[in-house]
Amino acid sequence: MVLFDGECGFCSASMRHWMMAGAGSLDFFPSQSGMGDPYGLPPDKPMGSLHLVEEDGSVRKGAEAVFRMMSLCGSLLGRLAWYLYQHVPPFRITSEWGYRRVAERRASISRMMCRLPQESGK
């Protein structure tokens, strides 16, 4: 299960991509849904990063969660990144640093993103 900030345009757009790419291999929920509550991730507390809850109940977050999610969705690049994250410490350290920089700026990134108009139901 992947938990993301459903109020963040950048996060939501990114997860829409992985929902389609993963073709049902993972369940995606906004953190505000309450689905993370059993794992210590209440809906009213900001998560600060993407979280992935594995089948055994373990929780990954940040770049680790992203690369594991990409791998589980069947992405070749994701499988490579997941391998590097697990086995190459400089890659892991740099990835987490980069993830934190993007996470700190996601509100600005969301404002810069092109927003598509909502369907009016016509």
PDB file of N, CA and C in Angstrom:
ATOM      1  N   MET A   1       0.851  -1.167   0.000  1.00  0.00           N
ATOM      2  CA  MET A   1       0.000   0.000   0.000  1.00  0.00           C
ATOM      3  C   MET A   1       0.901   1.235   0.000  1.00  0.00           C
ATOM      4  N   VAL A   2       0.574   2.185  -0.866  1.00  0.00           N
ATOM      5  CA  VAL A   2       1.321   3.430  -0.959  1.00  0.00           C
ATOM      6  C   VAL A   2       0.456   4.548  -0.390  1.00  0.00           C
ATOM      7  N   LEU A   3       1.031   5.322   0.525  1.00  0.00           N
ATOM      8  CA  LEU A   3       0.348   6.464   1.122  1.00  0.00           C
ATOM      9  C   LEU A   3       1.071   7.737   0.700  1.00  0.00           C
ATOM     10  N   PHE A   4       0.309   8.687   0.175  1.00  0.00           N
ATOM     11  CA  PHE A   4       0.871   9.938  -0.319  1.00  0.00           C
ATOM     12  C   PHE A   4      -0.016  11.097   0.116  1.00  0.00           C
ATOM     13  N   ASP A   5       0.500  12.310   0.034  1.00  0.00           N
ATOM     14  CA  ASP A   5      -0.262  13.496   0.405  1.00  0.00           C
ATOM     15  C   ASP A   5      -1.245  13.826  -0.711  1.00  0.00           C
ATOM     16  N   GLY A   6      -2.508  13.528  -0.492  1.00  0.00           N
ATOM     17  CA  GLY A   6      -3.539  13.764  -1.491  1.00  0.00           C
ATOM     18  C   GLY A   6      -3.865  15.228  -1.703  1.00  0.00           C
ATOM     19  N   GLU A   7      -3.379  16.100  -0.835  1.00  0.00           N
ATOM     20  CA  GLU A   7      -3.616  17.541  -0.991  1.00  0.00           C
ATOM     21  C   GLU A   7      -2.498  18.219  -1.764  1.00  0.00           C
ATOM     22  N   CYS A   8      -1.462  17.479  -2.108  1.00  0.00           N
ATOM     23  CA  CYS A   8      -0.306  18.008  -2.837  1.00  0.00           C
ATOM     24  C   CYS A   8      -0.456  17.657  -4.318  1.00  0.00           C
ATOM     25  N   GLY A   9      -0.506  18.664  -5.171  1.00  0.00           N
ATOM     26  CA  GLY A   9      -0.656  18.431  -6.607  1.00  0.00           C
ATOM     27  C   GLY A   9       0.482  17.628  -7.198  1.00  0.00           C
ATOM     28  N   PHE A  10       1.703  17.906  -6.767  1.00  0.00           N
ATOM     29  CA  PHE A  10       2.870  17.181  -7.256  1.00  0.00           C
ATOM     30  C   PHE A  10       2.782  15.709  -6.862  1.00  0.00           C
ATOM     31  N   CYS A  11       2.442  15.463  -5.599  1.00  0.00           N
ATOM     32  CA  CYS A  11       2.334  14.085  -5.103  1.00  0.00           C
ATOM     33  C   CYS A  11       1.231  13.325  -5.825  1.00  0.00           C
ATOM     34  N   SER A  12       0.070  13.964  -5.953  1.00  0.00           N
ATOM     35  CA  SER A  12      -1.076  13.308  -6.595  1.00  0.00           C
ATOM     36  C   SER A  12      -0.784  12.991  -8.056  1.00  0.00           C
ATOM     37  N   ALA A  13      -0.167  13.933  -8.768  1.00  0.00           N
ATOM     38  CA  ALA A  13       0.157  13.700 -10.179  1.00  0.00           C
ATOM     39  C   ALA A  13       1.154  12.553 -10.312  1.00  0.00           C
ATOM     40  N   SER A  14       2.154  12.526  -9.439  1.00  0.00           N
ATOM     41  CA  SER A  14       3.147  11.449  -9.480  1.00  0.00           C
ATOM     42  C   SER A  14       2.492  10.100  -9.225  1.00  0.00           C
ATOM     43  N   MET A  15       1.600  10.041  -8.268  1.00  0.00           N
ATOM     44  CA  MET A  15       0.955   8.771  -7.930  1.00  0.00           C
ATOM     45  C   MET A  15      -0.012   8.329  -9.021  1.00  0.00           C
ATOM     46  N   ARG A  16      -0.657   9.277  -9.715  1.00  0.00           N
ATOM     47  CA  ARG A  16      -1.525   8.892 -10.836  1.00  0.00           C
ATOM     48  C   ARG A  16      -0.709   8.135 -11.881  1.00  0.00           C
ATOM     49  N   HIS A  17       0.503   8.613 -12.128  1.00  0.00           N
ATOM     50  CA  HIS A  17       1.376   7.929 -13.088  1.00  0.00           C
ATOM     51  C   HIS A  17       1.654   6.494 -12.629  1.00  0.00           C
ATOM     52  N   TRP A  18       2.022   6.317 -11.359  1.00  0.00           N
ATOM     53  CA  TRP A  18       2.383   4.990 -10.868  1.00  0.00           C
ATOM     54  C   TRP A  18       1.171   4.088 -10.717  1.00  0.00           C
ATOM     55  N   MET A  19      -0.004   4.661 -10.473  1.00  0.00           N
ATOM     56  CA  MET A  19      -1.226   3.847 -10.434  1.00  0.00           C
ATOM     57  C   MET A  19      -1.450   3.184 -11.789  1.00  0.00           C
ATOM     58  N   MET A  20      -1.234   3.962 -12.854  1.00  0.00           N
ATOM     59  CA  MET A  20      -1.406   3.409 -14.205  1.00  0.00           C
ATOM     60  C   MET A  20      -0.268   2.459 -14.553  1.00  0.00           C
ATOM     61  N   ALA A  21       0.956   2.839 -14.216  1.00  0.00           N
ATOM     62  CA  ALA A  21       2.117   2.012 -14.555  1.00  0.00           C
ATOM     63  C   ALA A  21       2.102   0.692 -13.793  1.00  0.00           C
ATOM     64  N   GLY A  22       1.632   0.716 -12.560  1.00  0.00           N
ATOM     65  CA  GLY A  22       1.621  -0.483 -11.724  1.00  0.00           C
ATOM     66  C   GLY A  22       0.511  -1.446 -12.044  1.00  0.00           C
ATOM     67  N   ALA A  23      -0.493  -0.995 -12.768  1.00  0.00           N
ATOM     68  CA  ALA A  23      -1.608  -1.840 -13.204  1.00  0.00           C
ATOM     69  C   ALA A  23      -2.126  -2.760 -12.097  1.00  0.00           C
ATOM     70  N   GLY A  24      -2.409  -2.191 -10.927  1.00  0.00           N
ATOM     71  CA  GLY A  24      -3.023  -2.961  -9.853  1.00  0.00           C
ATOM     72  C   GLY A  24      -2.063  -3.718  -8.961  1.00  0.00           C
ATOM     73  N   SER A  25      -0.756  -3.541  -9.160  1.00  0.00           N
ATOM     74  CA  SER A  25       0.190  -4.271  -8.325  1.00  0.00           C
ATOM     75  C   SER A  25       0.283  -3.706  -6.906  1.00  0.00           C
ATOM     76  N   LEU A  26      -0.132  -2.468  -6.720  1.00  0.00           N
ATOM     77  CA  LEU A  26      -0.153  -1.821  -5.404  1.00  0.00           C
ATOM     78  C   LEU A  26      -1.449  -1.047  -5.239  1.00  0.00           C
ATOM     79  N   ASP A  27      -1.827  -0.812  -3.999  1.00  0.00           N
ATOM     80  CA  ASP A  27      -2.968   0.058  -3.708  1.00  0.00           C
ATOM     81  C   ASP A  27      -2.424   1.410  -3.293  1.00  0.00           C
ATOM     82  N   PHE A  28      -3.020   2.473  -3.813  1.00  0.00           N
ATOM     83  CA  PHE A  28      -2.585   3.836  -3.543  1.00  0.00           C
ATOM     84  C   PHE A  28      -3.690   4.578  -2.812  1.00  0.00           C
ATOM     85  N   PHE A  29      -3.325   5.257  -1.711  1.00  0.00           N
ATOM     86  CA  PHE A  29      -4.294   6.012  -0.934  1.00  0.00           C
ATOM     87  C   PHE A  29      -3.696   7.341  -0.488  1.00  0.00           C
ATOM     88  N   PRO A  30      -4.486   8.402  -0.526  1.00  0.00           N
ATOM     89  CA  PRO A  30      -4.002   9.639   0.076  1.00  0.00           C
ATOM     90  C   PRO A  30      -3.867   9.431   1.581  1.00  0.00           C
ATOM     91  N   SER A  31      -2.886  10.076   2.174  1.00  0.00           N
ATOM     92  CA  SER A  31      -2.658   9.913   3.614  1.00  0.00           C
ATOM     93  C   SER A  31      -3.876  10.357   4.405  1.00  0.00           C
ATOM     94  N   GLN A  32      -4.655  11.260   3.842  1.00  0.00           N
ATOM     95  CA  GLN A  32      -5.850  11.771   4.514  1.00  0.00           C
ATOM     96  C   GLN A  32      -6.976  10.738   4.573  1.00  0.00           C
ATOM     97  N   SER A  33      -6.826   9.598   3.900  1.00  0.00           N
ATOM     98  CA  SER A  33      -7.874   8.565   3.855  1.00  0.00           C
ATOM     99  C   SER A  33      -8.008   7.791   5.162  1.00  0.00           C
ATOM    100  N   GLY A  34      -6.976   7.822   5.996  1.00  0.00           N
ATOM    101  CA  GLY A  34      -6.996   7.050   7.231  1.00  0.00           C
ATOM    102  C   GLY A  34      -6.481   5.630   7.078  1.00  0.00           C
ATOM    103  N   MET A  35      -6.119   5.228   5.866  1.00  0.00           N
ATOM    104  CA  MET A  35      -5.644   3.862   5.638  1.00  0.00           C
ATOM    105  C   MET A  35      -4.304   3.588   6.323  1.00  0.00           C
ATOM    106  N   GLY A  36      -3.553   4.641   6.651  1.00  0.00           N
ATOM    107  CA  GLY A  36      -2.274   4.457   7.311  1.00  0.00           C
ATOM    108  C   GLY A  36      -2.368   4.399   8.824  1.00  0.00           C
ATOM    109  N   ASP A  37      -3.552   4.656   9.351  1.00  0.00           N
ATOM    110  CA  ASP A  37      -3.746   4.703  10.801  1.00  0.00           C
ATOM    111  C   ASP A  37      -3.234   3.440  11.519  1.00  0.00           C
ATOM    112  N   PRO A  38      -3.526   2.232  11.020  1.00  0.00           N
ATOM    113  CA  PRO A  38      -3.037   1.026  11.708  1.00  0.00           C
ATOM    114  C   PRO A  38      -1.506   0.910  11.735  1.00  0.00           C
ATOM    115  N   TYR A  39      -0.826   1.711  10.923  1.00  0.00           N
ATOM    116  CA  TYR A  39       0.632   1.640  10.834  1.00  0.00           C
ATOM    117  C   TYR A  39       1.300   2.856  11.486  1.00  0.00           C
ATOM    118  N   GLY A  40       0.546   3.562  12.298  1.00  0.00           N
ATOM    119  CA  GLY A  40       1.088   4.725  12.994  1.00  0.00           C
ATOM    120  C   GLY A  40       1.160   5.972  12.137  1.00  0.00           C
ATOM    121  N   LEU A  41       0.348   6.025  11.090  1.00  0.00           N
ATOM    122  CA  LEU A  41       0.325   7.169  10.185  1.00  0.00           C
ATOM    123  C   LEU A  41      -1.092   7.757  10.164  1.00  0.00           C
ATOM    124  N   PRO A  42      -1.469   8.498  11.209  1.00  0.00           N
ATOM    125  CA  PRO A  42      -2.828   9.036  11.284  1.00  0.00           C
ATOM    126  C   PRO A  42      -3.092  10.083  10.207  1.00  0.00           C
ATOM    127  N   PRO A  43      -4.334  10.185   9.745  1.00  0.00           N
ATOM    128  CA  PRO A  43      -4.658  11.088   8.642  1.00  0.00           C
ATOM    129  C   PRO A  43      -4.497  12.566   8.975  1.00  0.00           C
ATOM    130  N   ASP A  44      -4.515  12.923  10.238  1.00  0.00           N
ATOM    131  CA  ASP A  44      -4.433  14.329  10.609  1.00  0.00           C
ATOM    132  C   ASP A  44      -3.000  14.796  10.876  1.00  0.00           C
ATOM    133  N   LYS A  45      -2.027  13.911  10.704  1.00  0.00           N
ATOM    134  CA  LYS A  45      -0.624  14.269  10.936  1.00  0.00           C
ATOM    135  C   LYS A  45       0.126  14.245   9.602  1.00  0.00           C
ATOM    136  N   PRO A  46       0.806  15.346   9.250  1.00  0.00           N
ATOM    137  CA  PRO A  46       1.566  15.345   7.997  1.00  0.00           C
ATOM    138  C   PRO A  46       2.634  14.246   7.995  1.00  0.00           C
ATOM    139  N   MET A  47       2.708  13.502   6.913  1.00  0.00           N
ATOM    140  CA  MET A  47       3.669  12.405   6.830  1.00  0.00           C
ATOM    141  C   MET A  47       5.065  12.903   6.481  1.00  0.00           C
ATOM    142  N   GLY A  48       5.160  13.970   5.699  1.00  0.00           N
ATOM    143  CA  GLY A  48       6.458  14.506   5.313  1.00  0.00           C
ATOM    144  C   GLY A  48       7.109  13.790   4.147  1.00  0.00           C
ATOM    145  N   SER A  49       6.629  12.603   3.821  1.00  0.00           N
ATOM    146  CA  SER A  49       7.183  11.851   2.693  1.00  0.00           C
ATOM    147  C   SER A  49       6.212  10.743   2.295  1.00  0.00           C
ATOM    148  N   LEU A  50       6.465  10.194   1.141  1.00  0.00           N
ATOM    149  CA  LEU A  50       5.719   9.033   0.674  1.00  0.00           C
ATOM    150  C   LEU A  50       6.021   7.859   1.593  1.00  0.00           C
ATOM    151  N   HIS A  51       5.018   7.042   1.866  1.00  0.00           N
ATOM    152  CA  HIS A  51       5.211   5.840   2.683  1.00  0.00           C
ATOM    153  C   HIS A  51       4.695   4.623   1.915  1.00  0.00           C
ATOM    154  N   LEU A  52       5.419   3.542   2.030  1.00  0.00           N
ATOM    155  CA  LEU A  52       5.021   2.274   1.423  1.00  0.00           C
ATOM    156  C   LEU A  52       4.891   1.254   2.542  1.00  0.00           C
ATOM    157  N   VAL A  53       3.720   0.657   2.660  1.00  0.00           N
ATOM    158  CA  VAL A  53       3.494  -0.388   3.657  1.00  0.00           C
ATOM    159  C   VAL A  53       3.568  -1.725   2.920  1.00  0.00           C
ATOM    160  N   GLU A  54       4.545  -2.538   3.318  1.00  0.00           N
ATOM    161  CA  GLU A  54       4.745  -3.842   2.686  1.00  0.00           C
ATOM    162  C   GLU A  54       3.711  -4.842   3.217  1.00  0.00           C
ATOM    163  N   GLU A  55       3.591  -5.976   2.554  1.00  0.00           N
ATOM    164  CA  GLU A  55       2.628  -7.007   2.968  1.00  0.00           C
ATOM    165  C   GLU A  55       2.864  -7.488   4.396  1.00  0.00           C
ATOM    166  N   ASP A  56       4.116  -7.469   4.853  1.00  0.00           N
ATOM    167  CA  ASP A  56       4.418  -7.924   6.212  1.00  0.00           C
ATOM    168  C   ASP A  56       4.200  -6.835   7.265  1.00  0.00           C
ATOM    169  N   GLY A  57       3.706  -5.657   6.825  1.00  0.00           N
ATOM    170  CA  GLY A  57       3.423  -4.557   7.747  1.00  0.00           C
ATOM    171  C   GLY A  57       4.577  -3.603   7.954  1.00  0.00           C
ATOM    172  N   SER A  58       5.755  -3.911   7.402  1.00  0.00           N
ATOM    173  CA  SER A  58       6.884  -2.984   7.527  1.00  0.00           C
ATOM    174  C   SER A  58       6.607  -1.739   6.680  1.00  0.00           C
ATOM    175  N   VAL A  59       7.148  -0.622   7.134  1.00  0.00           N
ATOM    176  CA  VAL A  59       6.893   0.657   6.481  1.00  0.00           C
ATOM    177  C   VAL A  59       8.200   1.257   5.997  1.00  0.00           C
ATOM    178  N   ARG A  60       8.209   1.651   4.738  1.00  0.00           N
ATOM    179  CA  ARG A  60       9.356   2.355   4.145  1.00  0.00           C
ATOM    180  C   ARG A  60       8.895   3.775   3.829  1.00  0.00           C
ATOM    181  N   LYS A  61       9.844   4.723   3.837  1.00  0.00           N
ATOM    182  CA  LYS A  61       9.469   6.096   3.512  1.00  0.00           C
ATOM    183  C   LYS A  61      10.565   6.763   2.700  1.00  0.00           C
ATOM    184  N   GLY A  62      10.232   7.901   2.124  1.00  0.00           N
ATOM    185  CA  GLY A  62      11.195   8.673   1.357  1.00  0.00           C
ATOM    186  C   GLY A  62      11.643   7.975   0.091  1.00  0.00           C
ATOM    187  N   ALA A  63      12.920   8.185  -0.263  1.00  0.00           N
ATOM    188  CA  ALA A  63      13.462   7.602  -1.486  1.00  0.00           C
ATOM    189  C   ALA A  63      13.386   6.080  -1.456  1.00  0.00           C
ATOM    190  N   GLU A  64      13.582   5.499  -0.270  1.00  0.00           N
ATOM    191  CA  GLU A  64      13.476   4.043  -0.155  1.00  0.00           C
ATOM    192  C   GLU A  64      12.098   3.570  -0.601  1.00  0.00           C
ATOM    193  N   ALA A  65      11.052   4.255  -0.170  1.00  0.00           N
ATOM    194  CA  ALA A  65       9.684   3.893  -0.551  1.00  0.00           C
ATOM    195  C   ALA A  65       9.459   4.086  -2.048  1.00  0.00           C
ATOM    196  N   VAL A  66      10.005   5.167  -2.599  1.00  0.00           N
ATOM    197  CA  VAL A  66       9.830   5.434  -4.026  1.00  0.00           C
ATOM    198  C   VAL A  66      10.466   4.332  -4.865  1.00  0.00           C
ATOM    199  N   PHE A  67      11.711   3.989  -4.571  1.00  0.00           N
ATOM    200  CA  PHE A  67      12.385   2.977  -5.379  1.00  0.00           C
ATOM    201  C   PHE A  67      11.758   1.598  -5.202  1.00  0.00           C
ATOM    202  N   ARG A  68      11.322   1.271  -4.005  1.00  0.00           N
ATOM    203  CA  ARG A  68      10.647  -0.018  -3.786  1.00  0.00           C
ATOM    204  C   ARG A  68       9.321  -0.046  -4.531  1.00  0.00           C
ATOM    205  N   MET A  69       8.573   1.059  -4.472  1.00  0.00           N
ATOM    206  CA  MET A  69       7.301   1.158  -5.187  1.00  0.00           C
ATOM    207  C   MET A  69       7.524   0.986  -6.690  1.00  0.00           C
ATOM    208  N   MET A  70       8.515   1.697  -7.222  1.00  0.00           N
ATOM    209  CA  MET A  70       8.805   1.593  -8.656  1.00  0.00           C
ATOM    210  C   MET A  70       9.160   0.161  -9.038  1.00  0.00           C
ATOM    211  N   SER A  71       9.926  -0.494  -8.198  1.00  0.00           N
ATOM    212  CA  SER A  71      10.306  -1.881  -8.448  1.00  0.00           C
ATOM    213  C   SER A  71       9.081  -2.796  -8.432  1.00  0.00           C
ATOM    214  N   LEU A  72       8.225  -2.618  -7.428  1.00  0.00           N
ATOM    215  CA  LEU A  72       7.018  -3.452  -7.323  1.00  0.00           C
ATOM    216  C   LEU A  72       6.035  -3.199  -8.464  1.00  0.00           C
ATOM    217  N   CYS A  73       6.091  -2.004  -9.050  1.00  0.00           N
ATOM    218  CA  CYS A  73       5.217  -1.687 -10.186  1.00  0.00           C
ATOM    219  C   CYS A  73       5.748  -2.254 -11.498  1.00  0.00           C
ATOM    220  N   GLY A  74       6.928  -2.884 -11.454  1.00  0.00           N
ATOM    221  CA  GLY A  74       7.453  -3.553 -12.641  1.00  0.00           C
ATOM    222  C   GLY A  74       8.360  -2.703 -13.506  1.00  0.00           C
ATOM    223  N   SER A  75       8.755  -1.536 -13.033  1.00  0.00           N
ATOM    224  CA  SER A  75       9.626  -0.660 -13.805  1.00  0.00           C
ATOM    225  C   SER A  75      11.060  -1.204 -13.813  1.00  0.00           C
ATOM    226  N   LEU A  76      11.644  -1.350 -15.001  1.00  0.00           N
ATOM    227  CA  LEU A  76      13.030  -1.792 -15.110  1.00  0.00           C
ATOM    228  C   LEU A  76      13.951  -0.793 -14.417  1.00  0.00           C
ATOM    229  N   LEU A  77      13.718   0.484 -14.657  1.00  0.00           N
ATOM    230  CA  LEU A  77      14.505   1.525 -13.986  1.00  0.00           C
ATOM    231  C   LEU A  77      14.299   1.442 -12.468  1.00  0.00           C
ATOM    232  N   GLY A  78      13.074   1.162 -12.058  1.00  0.00           N
ATOM    233  CA  GLY A  78      12.776   1.014 -10.635  1.00  0.00           C
ATOM    234  C   GLY A  78      13.513  -0.154 -10.010  1.00  0.00           C
ATOM    235  N   ARG A  79      13.569  -1.274 -10.726  1.00  0.00           N
ATOM    236  CA  ARG A  79      14.296  -2.433 -10.198  1.00  0.00           C
ATOM    237  C   ARG A  79      15.789  -2.136 -10.070  1.00  0.00           C
ATOM    238  N   LEU A  80      16.342  -1.411 -11.053  1.00  0.00           N
ATOM    239  CA  LEU A  80      17.749  -1.020 -10.986  1.00  0.00           C
ATOM    240  C   LEU A  80      17.981  -0.055  -9.825  1.00  0.00           C
ATOM    241  N   ALA A  81      17.134   0.957  -9.704  1.00  0.00           N
ATOM    242  CA  ALA A  81      17.275   1.937  -8.619  1.00  0.00           C
ATOM    243  C   ALA A  81      17.143   1.257  -7.258  1.00  0.00           C
ATOM    244  N   TRP A  82      16.203   0.319  -7.141  1.00  0.00           N
ATOM    245  CA  TRP A  82      16.010  -0.395  -5.871  1.00  0.00           C
ATOM    246  C   TRP A  82      17.264  -1.198  -5.530  1.00  0.00           C
ATOM    247  N   TYR A  83      17.851  -1.860  -6.522  1.00  0.00           N
ATOM    248  CA  TYR A  83      19.087  -2.613  -6.301  1.00  0.00           C
ATOM    249  C   TYR A  83      20.198  -1.672  -5.831  1.00  0.00           C
ATOM    250  N   LEU A  84      20.376  -0.564  -6.543  1.00  0.00           N
ATOM    251  CA  LEU A  84      21.424   0.396  -6.173  1.00  0.00           C
ATOM    252  C   LEU A  84      21.176   0.964  -4.780  1.00  0.00           C
ATOM    253  N   TYR A  85      19.917   1.262  -4.476  1.00  0.00           N
ATOM    254  CA  TYR A  85      19.589   1.812  -3.155  1.00  0.00           C
ATOM    255  C   TYR A  85      19.998   0.833  -2.051  1.00  0.00           C
ATOM    256  N   GLN A  86      19.751  -0.430  -2.263  1.00  0.00           N
ATOM    257  CA  GLN A  86      20.058  -1.447  -1.259  1.00  0.00           C
ATOM    258  C   GLN A  86      21.547  -1.744  -1.130  1.00  0.00           C
ATOM    259  N   HIS A  87      22.301  -1.637  -2.234  1.00  0.00           N
ATOM    260  CA  HIS A  87      23.673  -2.143  -2.251  1.00  0.00           C
ATOM    261  C   HIS A  87      24.770  -1.099  -2.432  1.00  0.00           C
ATOM    262  N   VAL A  88      24.416   0.127  -2.741  1.00  0.00           N
ATOM    263  CA  VAL A  88      25.434   1.161  -2.991  1.00  0.00           C
ATOM    264  C   VAL A  88      25.170   2.344  -2.060  1.00  0.00           C
ATOM    265  N   PRO A  89      25.853   2.385  -0.917  1.00  0.00           N
ATOM    266  CA  PRO A  89      25.590   3.441   0.068  1.00  0.00           C
ATOM    267  C   PRO A  89      25.622   4.874  -0.477  1.00  0.00           C
ATOM    268  N   PRO A  90      26.579   5.252  -1.350  1.00  0.00           N
ATOM    269  CA  PRO A  90      26.537   6.628  -1.863  1.00  0.00           C
ATOM    270  C   PRO A  90      25.250   6.922  -2.647  1.00  0.00           C
ATOM    271  N   PHE A  91      24.740   5.926  -3.367  1.00  0.00           N
ATOM    272  CA  PHE A  91      23.482   6.104  -4.096  1.00  0.00           C
ATOM    273  C   PHE A  91      22.337   6.325  -3.110  1.00  0.00           C
ATOM    274  N   ARG A  92      22.309   5.525  -2.046  1.00  0.00           N
ATOM    275  CA  ARG A  92      21.259   5.641  -1.028  1.00  0.00           C
ATOM    276  C   ARG A  92      21.308   7.021  -0.362  1.00  0.00           C
ATOM    277  N   ILE A  93      22.481   7.444   0.040  1.00  0.00           N
ATOM    278  CA  ILE A  93      22.631   8.729   0.725  1.00  0.00           C
ATOM    279  C   ILE A  93      22.222   9.885  -0.189  1.00  0.00           C
ATOM    280  N   THR A  94      22.685   9.850  -1.429  1.00  0.00           N
ATOM    281  CA  THR A  94      22.352  10.905  -2.390  1.00  0.00           C
ATOM    282  C   THR A  94      20.862  10.909  -2.713  1.00  0.00           C
ATOM    283  N   SER A  95      20.278   9.727  -2.836  1.00  0.00           N
ATOM    284  CA  SER A  95      18.841   9.624  -3.130  1.00  0.00           C
ATOM    285  C   SER A  95      18.002  10.219  -2.010  1.00  0.00           C
ATOM    286  N   GLU A  96      18.336   9.904  -0.782  1.00  0.00           N
ATOM    287  CA  GLU A  96      17.578  10.452   0.346  1.00  0.00           C
ATOM    288  C   GLU A  96      17.751  11.964   0.439  1.00  0.00           C
ATOM    289  N   TRP A  97      18.954  12.449   0.191  1.00  0.00           N
ATOM    290  CA  TRP A  97      19.200  13.894   0.189  1.00  0.00           C
ATOM    291  C   TRP A  97      18.339  14.561  -0.890  1.00  0.00           C
ATOM    292  N   GLY A  98      18.360  13.996  -2.104  1.00  0.00           N
ATOM    293  CA  GLY A  98      17.562  14.543  -3.197  1.00  0.00           C
ATOM    294  C   GLY A  98      16.068  14.493  -2.903  1.00  0.00           C
ATOM    295  N   TYR A  99      15.629  13.393  -2.320  1.00  0.00           N
ATOM    296  CA  TYR A  99      14.212  13.265  -1.973  1.00  0.00           C
ATOM    297  C   TYR A  99      13.804  14.378  -1.003  1.00  0.00           C
ATOM    298  N   ARG A 100      14.610  14.607   0.020  1.00  0.00           N
ATOM    299  CA  ARG A 100      14.291  15.657   1.000  1.00  0.00           C
ATOM    300  C   ARG A 100      14.245  17.033   0.346  1.00  0.00           C
ATOM    301  N   ARG A 101      15.152  17.314  -0.593  1.00  0.00           N
ATOM    302  CA  ARG A 101      15.146  18.618  -1.269  1.00  0.00           C
ATOM    303  C   ARG A 101      13.852  18.800  -2.056  1.00  0.00           C
ATOM    304  N   VAL A 102      13.430  17.783  -2.777  1.00  0.00           N
ATOM    305  CA  VAL A 102      12.183  17.881  -3.549  1.00  0.00           C
ATOM    306  C   VAL A 102      10.995  17.997  -2.596  1.00  0.00           C
ATOM    307  N   ALA A 103      10.964  17.191  -1.544  1.00  0.00           N
ATOM    308  CA  ALA A 103       9.849  17.221  -0.588  1.00  0.00           C
ATOM    309  C   ALA A 103       9.708  18.594   0.057  1.00  0.00           C
ATOM    310  N   GLU A 104      10.827  19.232   0.346  1.00  0.00           N
ATOM    311  CA  GLU A 104      10.785  20.565   0.946  1.00  0.00           C
ATOM    312  C   GLU A 104      10.202  21.602   0.000  1.00  0.00           C
ATOM    313  N   ARG A 105      10.287  21.346  -1.295  1.00  0.00           N
ATOM    314  CA  ARG A 105       9.858  22.311  -2.313  1.00  0.00           C
ATOM    315  C   ARG A 105       8.599  21.878  -3.060  1.00  0.00           C
ATOM    316  N   ARG A 106       7.945  20.846  -2.592  1.00  0.00           N
ATOM    317  CA  ARG A 106       6.812  20.299  -3.355  1.00  0.00           C
ATOM    318  C   ARG A 106       5.656  21.271  -3.487  1.00  0.00           C
ATOM    319  N   ALA A 107       5.441  22.146  -2.515  1.00  0.00           N
ATOM    320  CA  ALA A 107       4.366  23.139  -2.637  1.00  0.00           C
ATOM    321  C   ALA A 107       4.662  24.082  -3.796  1.00  0.00           C
ATOM    322  N   SER A 108       5.905  24.515  -3.917  1.00  0.00           N
ATOM    323  CA  SER A 108       6.293  25.387  -5.033  1.00  0.00           C
ATOM    324  C   SER A 108       6.184  24.647  -6.359  1.00  0.00           C
ATOM    325  N   ILE A 109       6.604  23.393  -6.364  1.00  0.00           N
ATOM    326  CA  ILE A 109       6.525  22.588  -7.589  1.00  0.00           C
ATOM    327  C   ILE A 109       5.067  22.424  -7.994  1.00  0.00           C
ATOM    328  N   SER A 110       4.186  22.174  -7.029  1.00  0.00           N
ATOM    329  CA  SER A 110       2.755  22.015  -7.317  1.00  0.00           C
ATOM    330  C   SER A 110       2.186  23.265  -7.965  1.00  0.00           C
ATOM    331  N   ARG A 111       2.588  24.431  -7.477  1.00  0.00           N
ATOM    332  CA  ARG A 111       2.075  25.688  -8.045  1.00  0.00           C
ATOM    333  C   ARG A 111       2.555  25.896  -9.467  1.00  0.00           C
ATOM    334  N   MET A 112       3.716  25.376  -9.799  1.00  0.00           N
ATOM    335  CA  MET A 112       4.268  25.546 -11.143  1.00  0.00           C
ATOM    336  C   MET A 112       3.692  24.555 -12.150  1.00  0.00           C
ATOM    337  N   MET A 113       3.106  23.483 -11.659  1.00  0.00           N
ATOM    338  CA  MET A 113       2.598  22.438 -12.555  1.00  0.00           C
ATOM    339  C   MET A 113       1.370  22.927 -13.305  1.00  0.00           C
ATOM    340  N   CYS A 114       1.243  22.458 -14.529  1.00  0.00           N
ATOM    341  CA  CYS A 114       0.066  22.763 -15.328  1.00  0.00           C
ATOM    342  C   CYS A 114      -1.125  22.036 -14.724  1.00  0.00           C
ATOM    343  N   ARG A 115      -2.185  22.737 -14.501  1.00  0.00           N
ATOM    344  CA  ARG A 115      -3.384  22.115 -13.930  1.00  0.00           C
ATOM    345  C   ARG A 115      -4.439  21.959 -15.028  1.00  0.00           C
ATOM    346  N   LEU A 116      -4.938  20.759 -15.153  1.00  0.00           N
ATOM    347  CA  LEU A 116      -5.992  20.489 -16.125  1.00  0.00           C
ATOM    348  C   LEU A 116      -7.336  20.835 -15.498  1.00  0.00           C
ATOM    349  N   PRO A 117      -8.252  21.393 -16.278  1.00  0.00           N
ATOM    350  CA  PRO A 117      -9.564  21.699 -15.714  1.00  0.00           C
ATOM    351  C   PRO A 117     -10.306  20.418 -15.352  1.00  0.00           C
ATOM    352  N   GLN A 118     -11.095  20.477 -14.296  1.00  0.00           N
ATOM    353  CA  GLN A 118     -11.908  19.334 -13.881  1.00  0.00           C
ATOM    354  C   GLN A 118     -13.056  19.154 -14.872  1.00  0.00           C
ATOM    355  N   GLU A 119     -13.439  17.903 -15.085  1.00  0.00           N
ATOM    356  CA  GLU A 119     -14.587  17.633 -15.953  1.00  0.00           C
ATOM    357  C   GLU A 119     -15.843  18.179 -15.310  1.00  0.00           C
ATOM    358  N   SER A 120     -16.703  18.766 -16.103  1.00  0.00           N
ATOM    359  CA  SER A 120     -17.908  19.397 -15.550  1.00  0.00           C
ATOM    360  C   SER A 120     -19.094  18.439 -15.511  1.00  0.00           C
ATOM    361  N   GLY A 121     -18.906  17.214 -15.963  1.00  0.00           N
ATOM    362  CA  GLY A 121     -19.994  16.243 -15.913  1.00  0.00           C
ATOM    363  C   GLY A 121     -20.928  16.349 -17.102  1.00  0.00           C
ATOM    364  N   LYS A 122     -20.534  17.090 -18.133  1.00  0.00           N
ATOM    365  CA  LYS A 122     -21.375  17.240 -19.329  1.00  0.00           C
ATOM    366  C   LYS A 122     -21.246  16.057 -20.233  1.00  0.00           C
TER     367      LYS A 122
END
